Amino acid sequence: MLEQFCQSRPIADVGIIGQMVRKADLITQSRLGAIVQVQQCGFAAGGRLGGRDLQGARIQRQLLRGIIERDDGYDSAEWQDPAECARNSAILARRNRRAACRMMEFGSVTASIVSHGQGRMVAALLGDLAKTAPGALGRLVVTLNVPESEPDPVPGLPFDLVVIRNPAPIGFGANHNGAFQRYCTTPWFAVLNPDLRLSADPFDPLLRAAAPGDVLLAPRIVEPDGSTADSLRRLPTPFSLAQRLLGWREPVSKRNFDWVAGMFLMLRSDAFRALGGFDERYFLYCEDTDLSMRIRLDGGGLKHVDSVCVMHDPQRQSHRSLRYLGWHVASLARLWTSARYWRYLARRRAMRLSWAGQSTD
């Protein structure tokens, strides 16, 4: 697989690589041949990974992180002997193939945020992303769903920033579907709430935790007071909703949840595309419930990664606004009358615990 991948990658200008190496001052000219080995797998300037160009500055950052191993201790005499030169070249090639595999995740995520006049929150989240500098995040799409000013420029963003301005407000699912269809060319698509705060990079560890059958990945969500939010939930019913309104919530195990609340969702792009994205008939509520059901019914996995943590400051507009409450009730009514809801319930009863959710520590 790796050899086929390498053969399909374009070869960049070696002069550009040499300039980049001299600028980084990390690898001597004797390593240039080894860098070309990595470059042939698409990880040097001019290559492509996940459908997007890799800029020299980003590659330099990877060099500074030490992903491409530093080996400038070879004696020049060793390189003059043909047999020794071949042996050393093979060693460097193996090391850099391993480095290339580790860099496969670089730039492999496109993220989407929708702002409803939440410019201050978006600016704070952009600042967190600039500080944590997630290598896996290649592009961030910010959709302004109501008239507001664009986010202020944040220096040092290690990814592409795209801003969409809607002529009229549309729903949660329609906004993220639009960002996905227009701008996602990466293997993974992340749906982020604007009221998230990040203290560390969540994307790389989520990708490392992904198994081949996982379609949706989610981190642990914590409230501002440090408590864990109820982002893993059982399928809502009229009875369970009445219980929640009375202050009682059904206990949910990390291994028996039905769906994941949409504060932070990492979705495998090909599966998300095959499912048709979010169902836009829902408006602001239940899109995440419906998507989780469809992933399960299609045989995909939902994985909660407990070791990855992000903070969420919930708005809960339906608790304070009659208009939002009306949208919430309408979405629940659509969910409860949908065929897939009852099909999922029947499948869950049949499978019981063997069809439970997954969780990693």
Protein backbone atom coordinates (compact mmCIF):
# COMPACT_ATOMS: atom_id res chain seq x y z
CA MET A 1 0.00 0.00 0.00
CA LEU A 2 2.77 2.43 0.95
CA GLU A 3 4.71 1.72 -2.24
CA GLN A 4 1.57 2.35 -4.34
CA PHE A 5 0.95 5.57 -2.44
CA CYS A 6 4.53 6.75 -2.95
CA GLN A 7 4.41 6.04 -6.67
CA SER A 8 1.32 8.21 -7.03
CA ARG A 9 2.82 11.29 -5.33
CA PRO A 10 4.28 14.18 -7.39
CA ILE A 11 7.98 15.06 -6.99
CA ALA A 12 8.64 18.67 -6.02
CA ASP A 13 11.53 20.91 -6.98
CA VAL A 14 14.62 19.68 -5.13
CA GLY A 15 15.90 23.25 -5.01
CA ILE A 16 12.86 24.27 -2.94
CA ILE A 17 13.56 21.42 -0.55
CA GLY A 18 17.17 22.48 -0.22
CA GLN A 19 16.14 26.06 0.57
CA MET A 20 13.67 24.83 3.14
CA VAL A 21 16.29 22.63 4.81
CA ARG A 22 18.87 25.43 4.93
CA LYS A 23 16.27 27.78 6.39
CA ALA A 24 15.26 25.29 9.07
CA ASP A 25 18.97 24.64 9.80
CA LEU A 26 18.13 21.18 11.06
CA ILE A 27 19.40 18.83 8.39
CA THR A 28 22.71 18.99 6.57
CA GLN A 29 23.08 18.83 2.84
CA SER A 30 24.12 15.20 3.16
CA ARG A 31 20.49 14.45 4.17
CA LEU A 32 19.04 15.96 0.99
CA GLY A 33 18.71 12.56 -0.65
CA ALA A 34 16.84 11.25 2.36
CA ILE A 35 14.49 14.23 2.34
CA VAL A 36 13.68 13.50 -1.28
CA GLN A 37 12.67 10.01 -0.13
CA VAL A 38 10.10 11.59 2.18
CA GLN A 39 9.21 14.13 -0.48
CA GLN A 40 8.40 11.33 -2.92
CA CYS A 41 5.59 10.35 -0.58
CA GLY A 42 4.13 13.82 -0.94
CA PHE A 43 5.40 15.50 2.23
CA ALA A 44 7.67 18.19 0.86
CA ALA A 45 6.85 21.54 -0.72
CA GLY A 46 4.63 21.11 -3.73
CA GLY A 47 3.28 17.71 -2.71
CA ARG A 48 -0.35 17.06 -1.89
CA LEU A 49 -1.91 15.34 1.09
CA GLY A 50 -5.64 14.99 1.61
CA GLY A 51 -6.36 17.05 -1.52
CA ARG A 52 -4.59 20.24 -0.40
CA ASP A 53 -1.18 21.82 -1.00
CA LEU A 54 1.37 21.62 1.80
CA GLN A 55 3.08 24.95 2.28
CA GLY A 56 6.80 25.22 3.02
CA ALA A 57 6.13 26.83 6.39
CA ARG A 58 4.04 23.89 7.51
CA ILE A 59 6.67 21.40 6.44
CA GLN A 60 9.25 23.48 8.28
CA ARG A 61 7.08 23.24 11.39
CA GLN A 62 7.02 19.46 11.02
CA LEU A 63 10.80 19.45 10.70
CA LEU A 64 11.08 21.52 13.85
CA ARG A 65 8.84 19.04 15.65
CA GLY A 66 11.28 16.31 14.71
CA ILE A 67 8.88 14.17 12.69
CA ILE A 68 11.55 13.86 10.00
CA GLU A 69 14.40 12.37 11.98
CA ARG A 70 17.67 14.27 12.25
CA ASP A 71 20.69 12.23 11.16
CA ASP A 72 23.60 14.56 10.56
CA GLY A 73 26.18 12.40 12.39
CA TYR A 74 27.35 10.36 9.42
CA ASP A 75 31.00 10.61 8.48
CA SER A 76 31.46 11.88 4.96
CA ALA A 77 33.91 9.04 4.34
CA GLU A 78 31.10 6.57 4.91
CA TRP A 79 29.22 8.11 2.04
CA GLN A 80 32.23 7.79 -0.26
CA ASP A 81 32.26 3.99 0.04
CA PRO A 82 29.59 2.61 -2.33
CA ALA A 83 28.55 -0.29 -0.09
CA GLU A 84 28.38 1.89 3.02
CA CYS A 85 26.53 4.58 1.10
CA ALA A 86 23.91 2.06 -0.04
CA ARG A 87 23.49 0.72 3.50
CA ASN A 88 23.09 4.21 4.98
CA SER A 89 20.67 5.22 2.23
CA ALA A 90 18.52 2.18 2.97
CA ILE A 91 18.51 3.03 6.69
CA LEU A 92 17.47 6.61 6.00
CA ALA A 93 14.80 5.49 3.55
CA ARG A 94 13.25 3.14 6.13
CA ARG A 95 13.29 5.84 8.80
CA ASN A 96 11.75 8.40 6.53
CA ARG A 97 9.06 5.99 5.34
CA ARG A 98 8.07 5.61 8.99
CA ALA A 99 8.12 9.39 9.32
CA ALA A 100 5.99 9.65 6.18
CA CYS A 101 3.41 7.32 7.69
CA ARG A 102 3.28 9.43 10.84
CA MET A 103 2.78 12.51 8.69
CA MET A 104 -0.15 10.92 6.85
CA GLU A 105 -2.43 12.61 9.41
CA PHE A 106 -0.98 16.07 8.71
CA GLY A 107 -3.68 18.34 7.25
CA SER A 108 -6.25 15.52 7.13
CA VAL A 109 -9.15 17.37 8.83
CA THR A 110 -11.49 20.11 7.60
CA ALA A 111 -13.46 21.75 10.44
CA SER A 112 -16.71 23.73 10.30
CA ILE A 113 -18.07 26.33 12.74
CA VAL A 114 -21.40 28.15 12.43
CA SER A 115 -21.77 31.55 14.12
CA HIS A 116 -25.15 33.03 15.03
CA GLY A 117 -23.80 36.44 16.02
CA GLN A 118 -21.21 34.71 18.23
CA GLY A 119 -18.18 36.54 16.91
CA ARG A 120 -16.56 36.88 20.32
CA MET A 121 -16.77 33.13 20.91
CA VAL A 122 -15.42 32.37 17.44
CA ALA A 123 -12.48 34.74 18.03
CA ALA A 124 -11.68 32.98 21.33
CA LEU A 125 -11.79 29.56 19.66
CA LEU A 126 -9.55 30.80 16.82
CA GLY A 127 -7.09 32.01 19.44
CA ASP A 128 -7.10 28.57 21.07
CA LEU A 129 -6.47 26.92 17.69
CA ALA A 130 -3.58 29.28 17.01
CA LYS A 131 -2.01 28.37 20.36
CA THR A 132 -2.50 24.63 20.12
CA ALA A 133 -1.46 24.57 16.40
CA PRO A 134 -3.12 21.23 15.48
CA GLY A 135 -1.11 19.64 12.69
CA ALA A 136 -4.05 17.53 11.52
CA LEU A 137 -6.28 20.56 10.89
CA GLY A 138 -5.85 21.69 7.31
CA ARG A 139 -8.80 24.05 6.87
CA LEU A 140 -11.38 25.80 9.05
CA VAL A 141 -14.65 27.02 7.54
CA VAL A 142 -16.53 29.67 9.54
CA THR A 143 -20.12 30.30 8.42
CA LEU A 144 -21.75 33.57 9.48
CA ASN A 145 -25.42 32.63 9.62
CA VAL A 146 -26.63 36.15 10.57
CA PRO A 147 -25.23 39.57 9.67
CA GLU A 148 -22.09 40.22 11.71
CA SER A 149 -18.50 41.29 11.14
CA GLU A 150 -15.95 38.73 10.05
CA PRO A 151 -13.56 37.35 12.68
CA ASP A 152 -10.52 39.55 13.30
CA PRO A 153 -7.32 38.21 11.76
CA VAL A 154 -5.46 35.90 14.13
CA PRO A 155 -1.71 35.82 13.51
CA GLY A 156 -0.03 32.46 13.22
CA LEU A 157 -2.99 30.29 12.23
CA PRO A 158 -1.45 26.99 11.04
CA PHE A 159 -4.38 26.22 8.69
CA ASP A 160 -6.48 27.80 5.95
CA LEU A 161 -9.39 29.96 7.17
CA VAL A 162 -12.48 30.30 4.96
CA VAL A 163 -15.42 32.58 5.85
CA ILE A 164 -18.92 32.05 4.38
CA ARG A 165 -21.56 34.76 4.76
CA ASN A 166 -25.16 33.55 4.39
CA PRO A 167 -27.71 35.90 2.76
CA ALA A 168 -30.38 34.45 5.09
CA PRO A 169 -30.20 32.20 8.15
CA ILE A 170 -30.38 28.45 7.59
CA GLY A 171 -30.28 25.47 9.94
CA PHE A 172 -27.45 23.66 11.69
CA GLY A 173 -27.40 20.77 9.24
CA ALA A 174 -27.68 22.91 6.12
CA ASN A 175 -24.77 25.11 7.22
CA HIS A 176 -22.41 22.23 7.94
CA ASN A 177 -23.50 20.37 4.81
CA GLY A 178 -22.69 23.46 2.75
CA ALA A 179 -19.23 23.81 4.30
CA PHE A 180 -18.58 20.10 3.71
CA GLN A 181 -19.73 20.07 0.09
CA ARG A 182 -17.85 23.24 -0.89
CA TYR A 183 -14.61 22.98 1.02
CA CYS A 184 -13.94 19.51 2.46
CA THR A 185 -11.34 17.58 0.46
CA THR A 186 -9.82 15.81 3.47
CA PRO A 187 -10.45 12.32 4.89
CA TRP A 188 -12.10 13.75 8.02
CA PHE A 189 -14.68 16.47 8.67
CA ALA A 190 -15.10 18.06 12.12
CA VAL A 191 -18.25 19.82 13.32
CA LEU A 192 -17.44 22.31 16.11
CA ASN A 193 -19.65 24.54 18.23
CA PRO A 194 -18.43 28.15 18.48
CA ASP A 195 -18.68 28.02 22.29
CA LEU A 196 -15.88 25.45 22.65
CA ARG A 197 -12.54 26.20 24.31
CA LEU A 198 -9.39 24.17 23.71
CA SER A 199 -6.40 23.83 26.00
CA ALA A 200 -4.67 21.20 23.83
CA ASP A 201 -4.87 19.80 20.30
CA PRO A 202 -7.87 17.41 20.15
CA PHE A 203 -7.56 16.38 16.50
CA ASP A 204 -4.33 14.36 16.46
CA PRO A 205 -5.22 12.12 19.44
CA LEU A 206 -8.71 11.52 18.05
CA LEU A 207 -7.24 10.40 14.74
CA ARG A 208 -4.80 8.10 16.51
CA ALA A 209 -7.72 6.48 18.37
CA ALA A 210 -9.72 5.83 15.18
CA ALA A 211 -10.30 2.23 14.11
CA PRO A 212 -11.17 1.33 10.50
CA GLY A 213 -14.88 0.90 11.28
CA ASP A 214 -15.26 4.15 13.22
CA VAL A 215 -17.32 6.78 11.40
CA LEU A 216 -17.82 9.27 14.23
CA LEU A 217 -15.25 10.24 16.88
CA ALA A 218 -16.03 12.44 19.87
CA PRO A 219 -13.95 13.77 22.77
CA ARG A 220 -15.04 14.11 26.39
CA ILE A 221 -16.93 17.37 26.89
CA VAL A 222 -16.52 19.25 30.17
CA GLU A 223 -18.50 22.18 31.54
CA PRO A 224 -16.82 25.41 32.74
CA ASP A 225 -16.97 24.12 36.33
CA GLY A 226 -14.97 21.03 35.35
CA SER A 227 -17.84 18.54 35.43
CA THR A 228 -18.33 16.14 32.52
CA ALA A 229 -21.20 17.09 30.23
CA ASP A 230 -23.82 14.56 29.14
CA SER A 231 -22.66 14.44 25.53
CA LEU A 232 -23.32 10.68 25.32
CA ARG A 233 -27.04 10.03 25.39
CA ARG A 234 -29.72 7.41 25.00
CA LEU A 235 -32.34 7.77 22.33
CA PRO A 236 -34.92 10.37 23.45
CA THR A 237 -38.50 9.26 24.05
CA PRO A 238 -41.49 11.30 25.28
CA PHE A 239 -41.13 9.55 28.64
CA SER A 240 -37.38 10.28 28.97
CA LEU A 241 -37.97 13.92 27.95
CA ALA A 242 -40.57 14.31 30.70
CA GLN A 243 -38.08 12.82 33.16
CA ARG A 244 -35.41 15.31 32.11
CA LEU A 245 -37.80 18.22 32.56
CA LEU A 246 -38.42 16.97 36.11
CA GLY A 247 -34.69 16.85 36.79
CA TRP A 248 -34.09 13.10 36.46
CA ARG A 249 -31.84 11.72 33.75
CA GLU A 250 -31.40 8.13 32.72
CA PRO A 251 -27.90 6.91 33.58
CA VAL A 252 -25.83 6.47 30.43
CA SER A 253 -22.82 4.22 30.32
CA LYS A 254 -19.90 5.01 28.05
CA ARG A 255 -20.61 1.67 26.41
CA ASN A 256 -24.36 1.85 25.88
CA PHE A 257 -24.98 5.30 24.43
CA ASP A 258 -27.12 5.73 21.31
CA TRP A 259 -26.00 9.09 20.02
CA VAL A 260 -23.44 11.86 20.54
CA ALA A 261 -24.40 15.49 21.07
CA GLY A 262 -23.10 17.69 18.28
CA MET A 263 -20.75 20.02 20.18
CA PHE A 264 -17.68 18.31 18.68
CA LEU A 265 -18.00 15.58 16.07
CA MET A 266 -15.23 14.12 13.91
CA LEU A 267 -16.74 12.37 10.90
CA ARG A 268 -15.12 10.16 8.30
CA SER A 269 -15.73 12.13 5.10
CA ASP A 270 -16.51 9.27 2.72
CA ALA A 271 -19.09 7.79 5.11
CA PHE A 272 -20.61 11.21 5.85
CA ARG A 273 -20.92 11.84 2.12
CA ALA A 274 -22.47 8.42 1.49
CA LEU A 275 -25.07 9.09 4.19
CA GLY A 276 -26.01 12.39 2.56
CA GLY A 277 -24.72 14.54 5.43
CA PHE A 278 -27.09 15.94 8.02
CA ASP A 279 -30.83 15.69 7.39
CA GLU A 280 -31.77 19.31 6.66
CA ARG A 281 -35.43 18.73 7.47
CA TYR A 282 -34.45 19.16 11.10
CA PHE A 283 -33.81 22.71 12.27
CA LEU A 284 -31.21 23.33 14.99
CA TYR A 285 -32.18 20.25 17.01
CA CYS A 286 -31.98 16.46 16.59
CA GLU A 287 -29.65 16.57 13.57
CA ASP A 288 -26.96 14.88 15.66
CA THR A 289 -29.41 12.28 16.99
CA ASP A 290 -30.60 11.41 13.49
CA LEU A 291 -27.05 11.23 12.11
CA SER A 292 -25.90 8.93 14.92
CA MET A 293 -28.84 6.61 14.24
CA ARG A 294 -28.10 6.49 10.52
CA ILE A 295 -24.42 5.74 11.13
CA ARG A 296 -25.38 2.83 13.39
CA LEU A 297 -28.04 1.52 11.01
CA ASP A 298 -25.46 1.63 8.20
CA GLY A 299 -23.04 -0.47 10.25
CA GLY A 300 -20.66 2.33 11.27
CA GLY A 301 -19.16 2.90 14.69
CA LEU A 302 -19.45 5.76 17.16
CA LYS A 303 -16.38 6.13 19.37
CA HIS A 304 -16.02 8.26 22.47
CA VAL A 305 -12.39 9.01 23.34
CA ASP A 306 -12.38 9.83 27.02
CA SER A 307 -8.71 10.84 27.13
CA VAL A 308 -9.34 13.78 24.76
CA CYS A 309 -11.08 16.69 26.47
CA VAL A 310 -12.59 20.00 25.29
CA MET A 311 -14.59 22.57 27.25
CA HIS A 312 -18.10 23.64 26.28
CA ASP A 313 -20.05 26.58 27.67
CA PRO A 314 -23.63 25.61 26.73
CA GLN A 315 -26.12 28.26 25.59
CA ARG A 316 -29.33 26.19 25.94
CA GLN A 317 -31.45 28.70 24.07
CA SER A 318 -34.51 26.42 24.22
CA HIS A 319 -34.54 26.90 27.99
CA ARG A 320 -34.91 30.67 27.61
CA SER A 321 -36.62 31.35 24.27
CA LEU A 322 -40.08 30.23 23.20
CA ARG A 323 -39.00 30.34 19.55
CA TYR A 324 -36.08 27.96 20.16
CA LEU A 325 -38.30 25.78 22.32
CA GLY A 326 -40.77 25.55 19.41
CA TRP A 327 -37.99 24.47 17.04
CA HIS A 328 -36.85 21.89 19.57
CA VAL A 329 -40.34 20.41 19.97
CA ALA A 330 -40.88 20.36 16.18
CA SER A 331 -37.61 18.49 15.65
CA LEU A 332 -38.47 15.96 18.34
CA ALA A 333 -41.88 15.38 16.73
CA ARG A 334 -40.20 14.77 13.36
CA LEU A 335 -37.74 12.38 14.99
CA TRP A 336 -40.41 10.37 16.80
CA THR A 337 -42.53 10.02 13.66
CA SER A 338 -39.64 9.00 11.38
CA ALA A 339 -39.34 5.41 10.14
CA ARG A 340 -35.65 5.23 10.95
CA TYR A 341 -36.33 6.09 14.62
CA TRP A 342 -38.53 3.03 15.04
CA ARG A 343 -36.22 0.90 12.93
CA TYR A 344 -33.35 1.89 15.20
CA LEU A 345 -35.37 1.10 18.33
CA ALA A 346 -36.23 -2.33 16.93
CA ARG A 347 -32.60 -3.00 16.05
CA ARG A 348 -31.43 -1.86 19.48
CA ARG A 349 -33.89 -4.14 21.25
CA ALA A 350 -32.71 -7.05 19.10
CA MET A 351 -29.02 -6.42 19.58
CA ARG A 352 -29.09 -5.15 23.18
CA LEU A 353 -25.62 -4.73 24.67
CA SER A 354 -23.80 -6.28 21.72
CA TRP A 355 -24.64 -3.15 19.72
CA ALA A 356 -23.46 -0.77 22.44
CA GLY A 357 -21.29 2.25 21.89
CA GLN A 358 -17.52 2.19 22.20
CA SER A 359 -15.34 4.21 24.51
CA THR A 360 -11.58 4.46 25.01
CA ASP A 361 -9.71 5.82 27.98
